[in-house]
Amino acid sequence: MSRPGVRHAVVEEDLREIVAEPLDWDAFRGRTVLVSGANGFLPAYMVETLLFLNETRPGFGCRVVGLVRSRARAEARFSRALEAGQLELVTCDLAKPLPPIEGAVDFVIHAASQASPKYFGKDPVGTLAPNVFGTQALLELAREKKSQRVLFFSSGEVYGTVDPAAIPIKETSYGVVDPTQVRSCYAESKRMGETLCVAWHAQYGVAATIARPFHTYGPGMLLDDGRVFSDFVADVVAGRHLTMKSDGSAIRPYCYLADATRGFFTVLLEGEAGQAYNVGNDQAEVSVRQLAETLARLFPEKKLEVRRVDAPAQPGYLKSPIPRNCPDLSKIAALGWTPRHGIESGFSRTIRSFT
């Protein structure tokens, strides 16, 4: 386990791989990037990347402003950057009015959102508010500050339940999301956030792009967030037999965080304003059972097994009814991005990052 303020070797390797992507990283040189939900699993790697550019490129001078709800967690995660004056934190709740943001804001990355199904049932209002009211506030901030680009973190959940014949899912393929179901607080609010981005672009010229992540995992993810791949990683890290609480038939595509981060920066810097892009790994699509069996084999010295158990549902946890989803990646591939890490490589790196 890494010491506080010391970057884990796996994360260091990931950051070097990310910044080696042939993107216009100098677009951030001397600029200010505001990141909402900066301590969240996905955006934190974008923050780490920008800080890494400051560390490794002389005179890069990127000012990073992180909007966070939990200052204590953010200070623990980014203690080294805060001590070096490379990161500014603003404590706020994007369900409420945005506090004043001083100075220029050249780029906005909006990723503040509860993404685990364990929140959808017990806090649907807190789930949807940042995706709607927070998105509106940040788009208006980008308009006022004349920001160059905005990236909105949507989700593959916006597609709802699609016809199996439409999988892999293109950005223009949409299925059913029932707005009267509590679980729809997430998918419907992400849809609304996307529409807000398109509206602000059409009416005010705000250059907003949209990323739709699919089932991303990697260093820094919360091992108690309730999602099945987090549970499996927690089991392996603890040396426990992997516990499967379903029949394991649901099929998902799993994308390693470093790959996804390269994709997010690609959409931010290269994507067309007003457009959405899938970010996932269509070559790492497996059933829950296959994932569990693969992870059990990754570290043979642990002698782990996969065991099916009947467990009571977590209070407030509303699982997805979708049996299979997988993204079509041709749109983002046209921008030059492709995932590199498969199941074994990505999950091995993830597990090692927790040791």
Protein backbone atom coordinates (compact mmCIF):
# COMPACT_ATOMS: atom_id res chain seq x y z
CA MET A 1 0.00 0.00 0.00
CA SER A 2 1.29 3.46 -0.87
CA ARG A 3 2.21 5.85 1.92
CA PRO A 4 0.06 9.00 2.14
CA GLY A 5 1.21 11.51 -0.46
CA VAL A 6 3.40 8.94 -2.22
CA ARG A 7 2.29 7.79 -5.67
CA HIS A 8 1.99 4.03 -6.14
CA ALA A 9 4.24 2.52 -8.81
CA VAL A 10 1.21 1.28 -10.78
CA VAL A 11 -0.27 4.78 -10.84
CA GLU A 12 3.07 6.24 -11.91
CA GLU A 13 3.22 3.79 -14.81
CA ASP A 14 -0.36 4.63 -15.77
CA LEU A 15 0.32 8.36 -15.81
CA ARG A 16 3.36 7.92 -18.03
CA GLU A 17 1.24 5.87 -20.42
CA ILE A 18 -1.53 8.49 -20.42
CA VAL A 19 0.68 11.48 -21.18
CA ALA A 20 2.42 9.50 -23.94
CA GLU A 21 -0.87 9.62 -25.86
CA PRO A 22 -0.37 11.83 -28.95
CA LEU A 23 -2.70 14.60 -27.83
CA ASP A 24 -2.18 18.36 -27.68
CA TRP A 25 -1.20 18.38 -24.01
CA ASP A 26 0.22 21.88 -24.45
CA ALA A 27 -3.38 23.10 -24.68
CA PHE A 28 -3.28 22.97 -20.86
CA ARG A 29 0.04 24.79 -20.51
CA GLY A 30 -0.48 27.95 -18.45
CA ARG A 31 -4.26 27.36 -18.43
CA THR A 32 -6.79 26.78 -15.66
CA VAL A 33 -8.72 23.51 -15.56
CA LEU A 34 -11.71 23.22 -13.23
CA VAL A 35 -12.69 19.65 -12.29
CA SER A 36 -15.92 18.96 -10.42
CA GLY A 37 -15.95 15.84 -8.27
CA ALA A 38 -12.16 16.05 -8.38
CA ASN A 39 -11.76 13.35 -5.74
CA GLY A 40 -14.09 10.94 -7.52
CA PHE A 41 -12.79 7.73 -9.01
CA LEU A 42 -12.80 8.77 -12.69
CA PRO A 43 -11.97 12.50 -12.51
CA ALA A 44 -9.21 11.99 -9.93
CA TYR A 45 -7.06 10.32 -12.60
CA MET A 46 -7.57 13.34 -14.86
CA VAL A 47 -6.45 15.57 -11.99
CA GLU A 48 -3.45 13.28 -11.39
CA THR A 49 -2.59 13.52 -15.09
CA LEU A 50 -2.61 17.32 -15.10
CA LEU A 51 -0.49 17.40 -11.94
CA PHE A 52 1.90 14.90 -13.52
CA LEU A 53 2.27 17.19 -16.54
CA ASN A 54 3.20 20.01 -14.17
CA GLU A 55 5.79 17.78 -12.51
CA THR A 56 7.41 16.40 -15.65
CA ARG A 57 7.26 19.28 -18.16
CA PRO A 58 9.29 22.36 -17.18
CA GLY A 59 7.24 25.53 -16.89
CA PHE A 60 3.98 23.76 -17.71
CA GLY A 61 2.08 25.84 -15.15
CA CYS A 62 -1.37 24.30 -15.39
CA ARG A 63 -3.64 25.62 -12.61
CA VAL A 64 -5.99 22.90 -11.40
CA VAL A 65 -9.09 23.82 -9.40
CA GLY A 66 -10.95 20.92 -7.84
CA LEU A 67 -14.56 21.14 -6.70
CA VAL A 68 -15.12 18.58 -3.93
CA ARG A 69 -17.77 17.72 -1.35
CA SER A 70 -15.36 16.05 1.07
CA ARG A 71 -12.35 18.24 1.62
CA ALA A 72 -10.79 15.75 4.03
CA ARG A 73 -10.81 12.95 1.43
CA ALA A 74 -9.41 15.26 -1.24
CA GLU A 75 -6.65 16.47 1.07
CA ALA A 76 -5.68 12.87 1.80
CA ARG A 77 -5.63 11.94 -1.89
CA PHE A 78 -3.79 15.01 -3.15
CA SER A 79 -1.70 15.99 -0.12
CA ARG A 80 1.54 16.28 -2.09
CA ALA A 81 0.00 18.54 -4.75
CA LEU A 82 -1.66 20.73 -2.14
CA GLU A 83 1.61 21.15 -0.24
CA ALA A 84 3.32 22.13 -3.50
CA GLY A 85 0.57 24.64 -4.34
CA GLN A 86 -0.30 22.79 -7.56
CA LEU A 87 -3.96 22.24 -6.71
CA GLU A 88 -6.71 24.46 -5.33
CA LEU A 89 -9.75 22.95 -3.63
CA VAL A 90 -13.21 24.50 -3.46
CA THR A 91 -15.65 22.75 -1.14
CA CYS A 92 -19.16 22.76 -2.54
CA ASP A 93 -22.26 20.68 -3.23
CA LEU A 94 -23.37 20.97 -6.84
CA ALA A 95 -26.97 20.39 -5.78
CA LYS A 96 -26.68 23.95 -4.40
CA PRO A 97 -25.60 27.27 -5.97
CA LEU A 98 -22.00 27.36 -7.20
CA PRO A 99 -19.64 29.45 -5.03
CA PRO A 100 -17.61 32.21 -6.73
CA ILE A 101 -14.70 30.92 -8.83
CA GLU A 102 -11.95 33.52 -9.11
CA GLY A 103 -9.83 34.02 -12.21
CA ALA A 104 -9.89 32.37 -15.60
CA VAL A 105 -11.43 28.97 -16.25
CA ASP A 106 -10.18 27.69 -19.59
CA PHE A 107 -11.44 24.10 -19.34
CA VAL A 108 -14.30 22.59 -17.35
CA ILE A 109 -14.51 18.87 -16.56
CA HIS A 110 -17.83 18.04 -14.89
CA ALA A 111 -17.75 14.63 -13.26
CA ALA A 112 -19.43 15.21 -9.88
CA SER A 113 -22.00 12.45 -9.59
CA GLN A 114 -22.95 9.45 -7.49
CA ALA A 115 -22.40 6.50 -9.82
CA SER A 116 -22.91 3.43 -7.64
CA PRO A 117 -26.35 1.79 -7.65
CA LYS A 118 -26.21 1.68 -3.86
CA TYR A 119 -27.08 5.41 -3.88
CA PHE A 120 -29.89 5.28 -6.43
CA GLY A 121 -32.47 3.92 -4.00
CA LYS A 122 -31.48 5.74 -0.82
CA ASP A 123 -30.50 9.12 -2.31
CA PRO A 124 -32.14 9.60 -5.71
CA VAL A 125 -32.33 13.39 -5.30
CA GLY A 126 -28.66 13.60 -4.40
CA THR A 127 -27.90 11.41 -7.40
CA LEU A 128 -29.74 13.45 -10.00
CA ALA A 129 -29.12 17.00 -8.75
CA PRO A 130 -25.42 17.36 -9.76
CA ASN A 131 -26.21 15.98 -13.22
CA VAL A 132 -28.94 18.55 -13.79
CA PHE A 133 -28.51 21.64 -11.60
CA GLY A 134 -24.75 21.23 -11.35
CA THR A 135 -24.41 20.84 -15.10
CA GLN A 136 -26.45 23.98 -15.70
CA ALA A 137 -24.34 25.96 -13.23
CA LEU A 138 -21.04 24.82 -14.75
CA LEU A 139 -22.19 25.43 -18.32
CA GLU A 140 -23.18 28.93 -17.31
CA LEU A 141 -19.79 29.39 -15.63
CA ALA A 142 -18.09 28.23 -18.84
CA ARG A 143 -20.18 30.72 -20.79
CA GLU A 144 -19.29 33.59 -18.45
CA LYS A 145 -15.59 32.68 -18.34
CA LYS A 146 -15.46 32.05 -22.11
CA SER A 147 -13.97 28.62 -21.48
CA GLN A 148 -12.34 26.86 -24.42
CA ARG A 149 -13.88 23.42 -23.80
CA VAL A 150 -16.24 21.58 -21.46
CA LEU A 151 -16.34 17.83 -20.84
CA PHE A 152 -19.47 16.33 -19.30
CA PHE A 153 -19.27 12.85 -17.80
CA SER A 154 -22.42 11.03 -18.82
CA SER A 155 -22.80 7.24 -18.70
CA GLY A 156 -23.50 4.18 -20.79
CA GLU A 157 -26.68 3.93 -18.69
CA VAL A 158 -28.31 6.60 -20.89
CA TYR A 159 -29.03 3.87 -23.46
CA GLY A 160 -31.38 2.02 -21.16
CA THR A 161 -32.58 -1.42 -22.21
CA VAL A 162 -31.77 -1.76 -25.90
CA ASP A 163 -32.72 -4.39 -28.44
CA PRO A 164 -30.04 -7.13 -28.31
CA ALA A 165 -29.71 -6.73 -32.08
CA ALA A 166 -28.46 -3.15 -31.46
CA ILE A 167 -25.42 -4.32 -29.46
CA PRO A 168 -22.64 -3.11 -29.73
CA ILE A 169 -24.40 0.16 -28.94
CA LYS A 170 -23.75 3.16 -31.14
CA GLU A 171 -24.11 6.70 -29.84
CA THR A 172 -27.37 6.98 -31.80
CA SER A 173 -28.96 3.81 -30.35
CA TYR A 174 -31.40 4.27 -27.47
CA GLY A 175 -33.57 1.88 -25.53
CA VAL A 176 -36.07 2.18 -22.73
CA VAL A 177 -35.58 4.15 -19.52
CA ASP A 178 -38.76 4.34 -17.46
CA PRO A 179 -38.83 7.81 -15.85
CA THR A 180 -41.26 6.63 -13.16
CA GLN A 181 -38.73 4.16 -11.71
CA VAL A 182 -36.55 5.47 -8.88
CA ARG A 183 -33.46 3.88 -10.41
CA SER A 184 -33.92 6.13 -13.44
CA CYS A 185 -32.70 9.07 -11.33
CA TYR A 186 -29.23 8.31 -12.69
CA ALA A 187 -29.86 7.56 -16.37
CA GLU A 188 -32.50 10.25 -16.84
CA SER A 189 -30.40 12.93 -15.14
CA LYS A 190 -27.41 11.98 -17.29
CA ARG A 191 -29.65 12.33 -20.35
CA MET A 192 -30.76 15.75 -19.13
CA GLY A 193 -27.16 16.76 -18.53
CA GLU A 194 -26.33 15.84 -22.11
CA THR A 195 -29.27 17.88 -23.40
CA LEU A 196 -28.11 20.86 -21.37
CA CYS A 197 -24.67 20.58 -22.97
CA VAL A 198 -26.19 20.50 -26.44
CA ALA A 199 -28.49 23.45 -25.65
CA TRP A 200 -25.70 25.65 -24.25
CA HIS A 201 -23.59 24.81 -27.29
CA ALA A 202 -26.38 25.59 -29.73
CA GLN A 203 -27.55 28.81 -28.09
CA TYR A 204 -24.41 30.22 -26.48
CA GLY A 205 -21.55 28.54 -28.35
CA VAL A 206 -20.22 26.70 -25.29
CA ALA A 207 -17.93 23.99 -26.70
CA ALA A 208 -19.25 21.10 -24.59
CA THR A 209 -18.46 17.48 -25.38
CA ILE A 210 -19.87 14.36 -23.74
CA ALA A 211 -18.15 11.14 -22.62
CA ARG A 212 -20.22 8.01 -21.94
CA PRO A 213 -18.09 5.64 -19.81
CA PHE A 214 -18.83 1.92 -19.60
CA HIS A 215 -17.88 -0.11 -16.49
CA THR A 216 -14.53 1.40 -15.62
CA TYR A 217 -12.24 -0.03 -12.93
CA GLY A 218 -8.71 0.63 -11.72
CA PRO A 219 -6.51 2.09 -8.97
CA GLY A 220 -8.35 4.24 -6.47
CA MET A 221 -11.79 2.73 -6.94
CA LEU A 222 -13.82 2.25 -3.78
CA LEU A 223 -13.84 -1.42 -2.86
CA ASP A 224 -17.07 -1.05 -0.90
CA ASP A 225 -19.13 0.78 -3.52
CA GLY A 226 -21.36 -2.24 -4.11
CA ARG A 227 -20.57 -2.96 -7.74
CA VAL A 228 -19.70 -6.55 -8.49
CA PHE A 229 -16.22 -5.92 -9.92
CA SER A 230 -15.35 -3.86 -6.83
CA ASP A 231 -16.51 -6.72 -4.62
CA PHE A 232 -14.34 -9.19 -6.54
CA VAL A 233 -11.25 -6.99 -6.34
CA ALA A 234 -11.85 -6.51 -2.60
CA ASP A 235 -12.03 -10.30 -2.19
CA VAL A 236 -8.75 -10.88 -4.03
CA VAL A 237 -6.96 -8.09 -2.16
CA ALA A 238 -8.12 -9.57 1.16
CA GLY A 239 -7.27 -13.13 0.09
CA ARG A 240 -10.89 -14.24 0.40
CA HIS A 241 -12.75 -16.64 -1.89
CA LEU A 242 -14.70 -14.61 -4.44
CA THR A 243 -18.38 -14.34 -3.53
CA MET A 244 -20.90 -14.22 -6.36
CA LYS A 245 -24.37 -13.07 -5.31
CA SER A 246 -26.14 -13.80 -8.62
CA ASP A 247 -26.05 -16.46 -11.29
CA GLY A 248 -23.25 -14.49 -12.96
CA SER A 249 -24.92 -14.37 -16.35
CA ALA A 250 -24.93 -10.57 -16.81
CA ILE A 251 -22.41 -9.54 -19.47
CA ARG A 252 -20.43 -6.33 -19.19
CA PRO A 253 -17.41 -4.71 -20.93
CA TYR A 254 -14.71 -3.72 -18.45
CA CYS A 255 -12.38 -0.80 -19.21
CA TYR A 256 -9.16 -0.11 -17.29
CA LEU A 257 -8.91 3.38 -15.81
CA ALA A 258 -5.74 4.46 -17.64
CA ASP A 259 -7.37 3.55 -20.96
CA ALA A 260 -10.55 5.40 -20.03
CA THR A 261 -8.58 8.47 -18.93
CA ARG A 262 -6.83 8.63 -22.29
CA GLY A 263 -10.29 8.43 -23.82
CA PHE A 264 -11.68 11.25 -21.68
CA PHE A 265 -8.83 13.57 -22.63
CA THR A 266 -9.30 12.58 -26.26
CA VAL A 267 -12.97 13.59 -26.12
CA LEU A 268 -12.14 16.83 -24.30
CA LEU A 269 -9.41 17.90 -26.71
CA GLU A 270 -10.45 16.29 -30.00
CA GLY A 271 -14.18 15.65 -29.75
CA GLU A 272 -16.75 17.65 -31.67
CA ALA A 273 -18.72 20.09 -29.54
CA GLY A 274 -22.29 18.99 -28.92
CA GLN A 275 -21.42 15.34 -29.58
CA ALA A 276 -21.28 12.25 -27.33
CA TYR A 277 -18.63 9.52 -27.42
CA ASN A 278 -18.64 6.04 -25.93
CA VAL A 279 -15.58 5.24 -23.79
CA GLY A 280 -15.17 1.57 -22.93
CA ASN A 281 -13.52 -1.67 -23.99
CA ASP A 282 -15.51 -3.79 -26.43
CA GLN A 283 -12.74 -6.41 -26.41
CA ALA A 284 -13.06 -7.01 -22.65
CA GLU A 285 -16.69 -8.10 -22.57
CA VAL A 286 -17.29 -11.04 -20.21
CA SER A 287 -19.99 -12.42 -17.93
CA VAL A 288 -19.85 -11.79 -14.20
CA ARG A 289 -19.02 -15.47 -13.68
CA GLN A 290 -16.20 -15.34 -16.24
CA LEU A 291 -14.81 -12.24 -14.55
CA ALA A 292 -14.85 -13.92 -11.15
CA GLU A 293 -13.16 -17.05 -12.48
CA THR A 294 -10.48 -14.98 -14.23
CA LEU A 295 -9.71 -12.95 -11.10
CA ALA A 296 -9.54 -16.09 -8.98
CA ARG A 297 -6.82 -17.41 -11.32
CA LEU A 298 -4.78 -14.21 -11.49
CA PHE A 299 -2.89 -14.92 -8.28
CA PRO A 300 -2.65 -18.73 -8.03
CA GLU A 301 -0.63 -18.54 -4.83
CA LYS A 302 -3.78 -17.28 -3.06
CA LYS A 303 -5.69 -20.48 -4.00
CA LEU A 304 -8.98 -18.64 -4.42
CA GLU A 305 -12.30 -20.12 -5.48
CA VAL A 306 -15.55 -18.65 -6.77
CA ARG A 307 -18.52 -19.33 -4.52
CA ARG A 308 -22.18 -18.59 -5.14
CA VAL A 309 -24.10 -17.31 -2.12
CA ASP A 310 -27.62 -16.08 -1.52
CA ALA A 311 -27.33 -12.70 0.11
CA PRO A 312 -30.03 -10.22 1.10
CA ALA A 313 -30.23 -7.14 -1.08
CA GLN A 314 -28.41 -4.08 0.21
CA PRO A 315 -30.85 -1.41 1.41
CA GLY A 316 -31.21 1.19 -1.34
CA TYR A 317 -29.14 -0.77 -3.87
CA LEU A 318 -31.02 -0.90 -7.17
CA LYS A 319 -29.23 -3.19 -9.60
CA SER A 320 -29.39 -2.83 -13.35
CA PRO A 321 -32.04 -4.90 -15.15
CA ILE A 322 -29.93 -4.94 -18.35
CA PRO A 323 -28.52 -8.42 -19.18
CA ARG A 324 -25.86 -7.16 -21.59
CA ASN A 325 -24.40 -3.89 -22.79
CA CYS A 326 -21.33 -3.18 -24.87
CA PRO A 327 -20.26 0.01 -26.67
CA ASP A 328 -19.55 0.52 -30.32
CA LEU A 329 -16.25 2.45 -30.28
CA SER A 330 -15.97 3.46 -33.92
CA LYS A 331 -16.77 7.11 -33.20
CA ILE A 332 -14.00 7.66 -30.64
CA ALA A 333 -11.67 5.37 -32.62
CA ALA A 334 -11.94 7.91 -35.45
CA LEU A 335 -10.29 10.39 -33.06
CA GLY A 336 -7.33 8.01 -32.68
CA TRP A 337 -8.19 6.32 -29.37
CA THR A 338 -8.29 2.62 -28.61
CA PRO A 339 -8.12 0.68 -25.31
CA ARG A 340 -4.94 -1.27 -24.58
CA HIS A 341 -5.52 -3.27 -21.40
CA GLY A 342 -7.53 -6.48 -21.34
CA ILE A 343 -9.16 -8.13 -18.33
CA GLU A 344 -6.05 -9.89 -16.99
CA SER A 345 -3.70 -6.95 -17.48
CA GLY A 346 -6.06 -4.32 -16.12
CA PHE A 347 -7.32 -6.22 -13.10
CA SER A 348 -3.85 -7.45 -12.22
CA ARG A 349 -2.65 -3.84 -12.18
CA THR A 350 -5.69 -2.78 -10.16
CA ILE A 351 -5.18 -5.45 -7.50
CA ARG A 352 -1.46 -4.67 -7.25
CA SER A 353 -2.29 -0.99 -6.72
CA PHE A 354 -4.03 -1.90 -3.45
CA THR A 355 -0.99 -3.74 -2.05
